[in-house]
Amino acid sequence: MKRIGVTGGVGSGKSQVLDRLTVRWNVPVIHTDLVARAVMEPGQEGLRQVVAALGDSFLNPDGSLCRPALARLIFQDPQARETVDRITHPLVWKLVQEELDRLDGQGTAAAVVESAVFSREAAAMFDEIWYVWAPEEVRTLRLMESRGYSEERCRSMIASQDSDQEFRALAGRVIDNSGSWEETAAEIDKVMEELLYSLAPSQSAVSQPENKG
């Protein structure tokens, strides 16, 4: 099974790329932010360890996580953020690995994991890391149009994330999403054809793309 990681900054069009992979190529997508939410649900190891390390000031009366309260804590205390990351990141990637292994066992031809950040250790799990790229000017305009944010807020959001150089240093493939969507979709389709049809004939069935344009 081809294991593909997909990353990219806010406004780059990463969601469009993931939709193309799902709809056109029937590729399952694992979102690490959703996995991260799951490990912080009541009764889960992530929440238990974070409470043991930082106390329970960010819990609701029913014992569930009050996410705004935790967000305030880690914003005010960088050490608390490091503690949360140190606890949750290994748990998230462990679950991701287990899900990839499950899909592989079912004969899935390719699976994608979307993450805002891939550590070097996490990146080693994948055959390829894709960086969905668009220039800052394009990303800013997209955010202003889609979310109604001011230009200043958009540029601040972009500046808070990894730089273009940092993304490129990790990724083995850059998906250029600076032009028309038709151009990007054609690039994705070309890459997927190369990846999937390079699989050995003896491997279980390759997912055939749906004829949806």
Protein backbone atom coordinates (compact mmCIF):
# COMPACT_ATOMS: atom_id res chain seq x y z
CA MET A 1 0.00 0.00 0.00
CA LYS A 2 1.23 3.48 -0.88
CA ARG A 3 1.31 5.68 2.22
CA ILE A 4 1.13 9.38 1.42
CA GLY A 5 1.41 12.30 3.81
CA VAL A 6 -0.14 15.59 2.76
CA THR A 7 0.71 18.94 4.31
CA GLY A 8 0.52 22.63 3.43
CA GLY A 9 -0.13 26.01 4.94
CA VAL A 10 -3.48 27.66 5.53
CA GLY A 11 -5.05 28.87 2.29
CA SER A 12 -2.92 26.60 0.12
CA GLY A 13 -5.93 24.56 -1.02
CA LYS A 14 -5.01 21.39 0.82
CA SER A 15 -8.67 20.48 1.35
CA GLN A 16 -9.30 20.58 -2.40
CA VAL A 17 -6.42 18.19 -2.98
CA LEU A 18 -7.72 15.81 -0.34
CA ASP A 19 -11.21 15.95 -1.84
CA ARG A 20 -9.77 15.05 -5.24
CA LEU A 21 -7.98 12.04 -3.77
CA THR A 22 -11.13 10.87 -2.02
CA VAL A 23 -13.72 11.47 -4.76
CA ARG A 24 -11.72 10.76 -7.88
CA TRP A 25 -9.32 8.11 -6.57
CA ASN A 26 -11.27 6.52 -3.70
CA VAL A 27 -8.33 7.05 -1.36
CA PRO A 28 -9.11 7.04 2.39
CA VAL A 29 -7.86 10.13 4.22
CA ILE A 30 -6.85 10.21 7.88
CA HIS A 31 -6.90 13.68 9.47
CA THR A 32 -4.46 13.95 12.36
CA ASP A 33 -6.42 16.81 13.94
CA LEU A 34 -9.41 14.47 14.32
CA VAL A 35 -7.19 11.76 15.79
CA ALA A 36 -5.77 14.35 18.20
CA ARG A 37 -9.30 15.19 19.33
CA ALA A 38 -10.02 11.51 19.88
CA VAL A 39 -7.05 10.94 22.20
CA MET A 40 -8.34 13.76 24.41
CA GLU A 41 -11.83 12.34 24.87
CA PRO A 42 -12.91 11.21 28.36
CA GLY A 43 -11.35 7.90 29.32
CA GLN A 44 -8.60 8.14 26.71
CA GLU A 45 -4.91 7.91 27.55
CA GLY A 46 -4.11 11.36 26.22
CA LEU A 47 -6.55 13.16 28.50
CA ARG A 48 -5.53 11.06 31.51
CA GLN A 49 -1.85 11.88 31.04
CA VAL A 50 -2.42 15.58 30.39
CA VAL A 51 -4.57 15.90 33.53
CA ALA A 52 -1.92 14.05 35.55
CA ALA A 53 0.73 16.47 34.30
CA LEU A 54 -1.16 19.79 34.33
CA GLY A 55 -4.12 19.37 36.66
CA ASP A 56 -7.83 19.53 35.89
CA SER A 57 -8.46 23.27 35.57
CA PHE A 58 -9.40 22.79 31.91
CA LEU A 59 -12.03 20.09 32.46
CA ASN A 60 -15.78 20.53 32.28
CA PRO A 61 -17.87 19.42 35.30
CA ASP A 62 -18.57 16.10 33.54
CA GLY A 63 -14.85 15.38 33.16
CA SER A 64 -14.67 16.16 29.45
CA LEU A 65 -12.10 18.53 28.01
CA CYS A 66 -12.97 22.21 27.81
CA ARG A 67 -10.95 23.01 24.72
CA PRO A 68 -11.09 26.83 25.06
CA ALA A 69 -9.75 26.54 28.62
CA LEU A 70 -6.88 24.30 27.52
CA ALA A 71 -6.17 26.65 24.61
CA ARG A 72 -5.89 29.58 27.03
CA LEU A 73 -3.55 27.61 29.25
CA ILE A 74 -1.13 26.60 26.52
CA PHE A 75 -1.24 30.09 25.00
CA GLN A 76 -0.19 31.61 28.31
CA ASP A 77 2.28 28.88 29.25
CA PRO A 78 4.64 27.59 26.51
CA GLN A 79 5.84 24.88 28.87
CA ALA A 80 2.29 23.58 29.16
CA ARG A 81 2.07 23.48 25.36
CA GLU A 82 5.27 21.44 25.23
CA THR A 83 3.85 19.05 27.81
CA VAL A 84 0.62 18.56 25.87
CA ASP A 85 2.52 18.01 22.62
CA ARG A 86 4.96 15.59 24.25
CA ILE A 87 2.07 13.51 25.56
CA THR A 88 -0.36 13.62 22.66
CA HIS A 89 1.84 13.50 19.56
CA PRO A 90 3.15 9.94 20.11
CA LEU A 91 -0.38 8.74 20.86
CA VAL A 92 -1.73 10.36 17.69
CA TRP A 93 0.92 8.82 15.45
CA LYS A 94 0.51 5.43 17.11
CA LEU A 95 -3.19 5.46 16.20
CA VAL A 96 -2.39 6.69 12.69
CA GLN A 97 0.06 3.83 12.24
CA GLU A 98 -2.52 1.32 13.46
CA GLU A 99 -5.12 2.65 11.02
CA LEU A 100 -2.67 2.53 8.13
CA ASP A 101 -1.80 -1.06 9.01
CA ARG A 102 -5.51 -1.92 9.14
CA LEU A 103 -6.11 -0.43 5.70
CA ASP A 104 -3.05 -2.21 4.35
CA GLY A 105 -4.38 -5.48 5.70
CA GLN A 106 -7.63 -4.91 3.82
CA GLY A 107 -5.75 -4.61 0.54
CA THR A 108 -6.15 -0.85 0.19
CA ALA A 109 -3.92 0.44 -2.61
CA ALA A 110 -3.19 3.87 -1.15
CA ALA A 111 -3.99 5.88 1.95
CA VAL A 112 -3.39 9.52 2.82
CA VAL A 113 -2.62 11.16 6.15
CA GLU A 114 -3.19 14.91 6.38
CA SER A 115 -1.26 16.88 8.97
CA ALA A 116 -0.25 20.49 9.45
CA VAL A 117 3.12 19.26 10.71
CA PHE A 118 5.16 16.10 10.16
CA SER A 119 8.11 15.41 12.41
CA ARG A 120 11.07 13.61 10.88
CA GLU A 121 10.04 10.49 12.79
CA ALA A 122 6.45 10.66 11.54
CA ALA A 123 7.56 11.36 7.97
CA ALA A 124 9.49 8.08 7.97
CA MET A 125 6.14 6.24 8.03
CA PHE A 126 5.32 7.35 4.48
CA ASP A 127 6.37 6.55 0.95
CA GLU A 128 5.87 10.20 0.02
CA ILE A 129 5.14 13.54 1.67
CA TRP A 130 3.24 16.01 -0.52
CA TYR A 131 3.47 19.73 0.10
CA VAL A 132 0.48 21.61 -1.32
CA TRP A 133 1.94 24.96 -2.32
CA ALA A 134 0.60 28.35 -3.34
CA PRO A 135 2.31 31.76 -2.97
CA GLU A 136 1.46 33.94 0.00
CA GLU A 137 -0.44 36.45 -2.12
CA VAL A 138 -2.75 33.74 -3.46
CA ARG A 139 -3.25 32.21 -0.02
CA THR A 140 -4.07 35.60 1.46
CA LEU A 141 -6.70 36.33 -1.19
CA ARG A 142 -8.26 32.89 -0.74
CA LEU A 143 -8.55 33.35 3.01
CA MET A 144 -10.00 36.83 2.65
CA GLU A 145 -12.62 35.54 0.19
CA SER A 146 -13.50 32.26 1.92
CA ARG A 147 -13.37 33.33 5.56
CA GLY A 148 -13.89 37.07 5.40
CA TYR A 149 -10.70 37.79 7.32
CA SER A 150 -8.76 41.03 7.03
CA GLU A 151 -5.53 40.99 5.05
CA GLU A 152 -3.58 41.61 8.26
CA ARG A 153 -5.14 38.62 9.99
CA CYS A 154 -4.51 36.37 6.99
CA ARG A 155 -0.85 37.33 6.77
CA SER A 156 -0.47 36.83 10.53
CA MET A 157 -1.93 33.32 10.26
CA ILE A 158 0.43 32.45 7.42
CA ALA A 159 3.44 33.83 9.29
CA SER A 160 2.61 31.71 12.36
CA GLN A 161 3.01 28.47 10.38
CA ASP A 162 6.08 26.75 8.99
CA SER A 163 7.86 28.64 6.24
CA ASP A 164 7.94 27.57 2.62
CA GLN A 165 11.53 26.43 3.10
CA GLU A 166 10.60 24.27 6.09
CA PHE A 167 7.76 22.60 4.19
CA ARG A 168 9.97 21.94 1.17
CA ALA A 169 12.77 20.51 3.32
CA LEU A 170 10.42 17.78 4.51
CA ALA A 171 8.34 17.07 1.42
CA GLY A 172 9.47 14.92 -1.46
CA ARG A 173 6.81 16.21 -3.83
CA VAL A 174 5.34 19.68 -4.29
CA ILE A 175 1.78 20.01 -5.60
CA ASP A 176 1.54 23.41 -7.25
CA ASN A 177 -1.88 24.86 -6.48
CA SER A 178 -1.13 28.42 -7.53
CA GLY A 179 -3.00 28.32 -10.84
CA SER A 180 -6.37 26.99 -11.91
CA TRP A 181 -7.95 24.06 -10.12
CA GLU A 182 -8.08 22.16 -13.41
CA GLU A 183 -4.29 22.33 -13.62
CA THR A 184 -3.88 21.11 -10.05
CA ALA A 185 -6.38 18.27 -10.53
CA ALA A 186 -4.54 17.13 -13.66
CA GLU A 187 -1.26 17.12 -11.73
CA ILE A 188 -2.79 15.03 -8.93
CA ASP A 189 -4.25 12.55 -11.40
CA LYS A 190 -0.91 12.16 -13.15
CA VAL A 191 0.88 11.50 -9.88
CA MET A 192 -1.72 8.98 -8.71
CA GLU A 193 -1.58 7.10 -11.99
CA GLU A 194 2.18 6.80 -11.63
CA LEU A 195 1.95 5.68 -8.01
CA LEU A 196 -0.89 3.22 -8.25
CA TYR A 197 -0.09 1.60 -11.55
CA SER A 198 3.50 1.04 -10.45
CA LEU A 199 2.24 -1.47 -7.90
CA ALA A 200 3.06 -5.09 -8.56
CA PRO A 201 0.30 -6.99 -10.36
CA SER A 202 0.27 -9.51 -7.52
CA GLN A 203 -0.83 -6.89 -5.01
CA SER A 204 -4.51 -6.81 -4.16
CA ALA A 205 -6.74 -4.69 -6.33
CA VAL A 206 -5.79 -1.14 -7.12
CA SER A 207 -8.61 1.33 -6.53
CA GLN A 208 -9.89 2.49 -9.87
CA PRO A 209 -10.75 6.17 -10.15
CA GLU A 210 -14.36 7.10 -10.53
CA ASN A 211 -15.30 8.79 -13.76
CA LYS A 212 -16.24 12.14 -12.24
CA GLY A 213 -13.99 14.46 -14.18
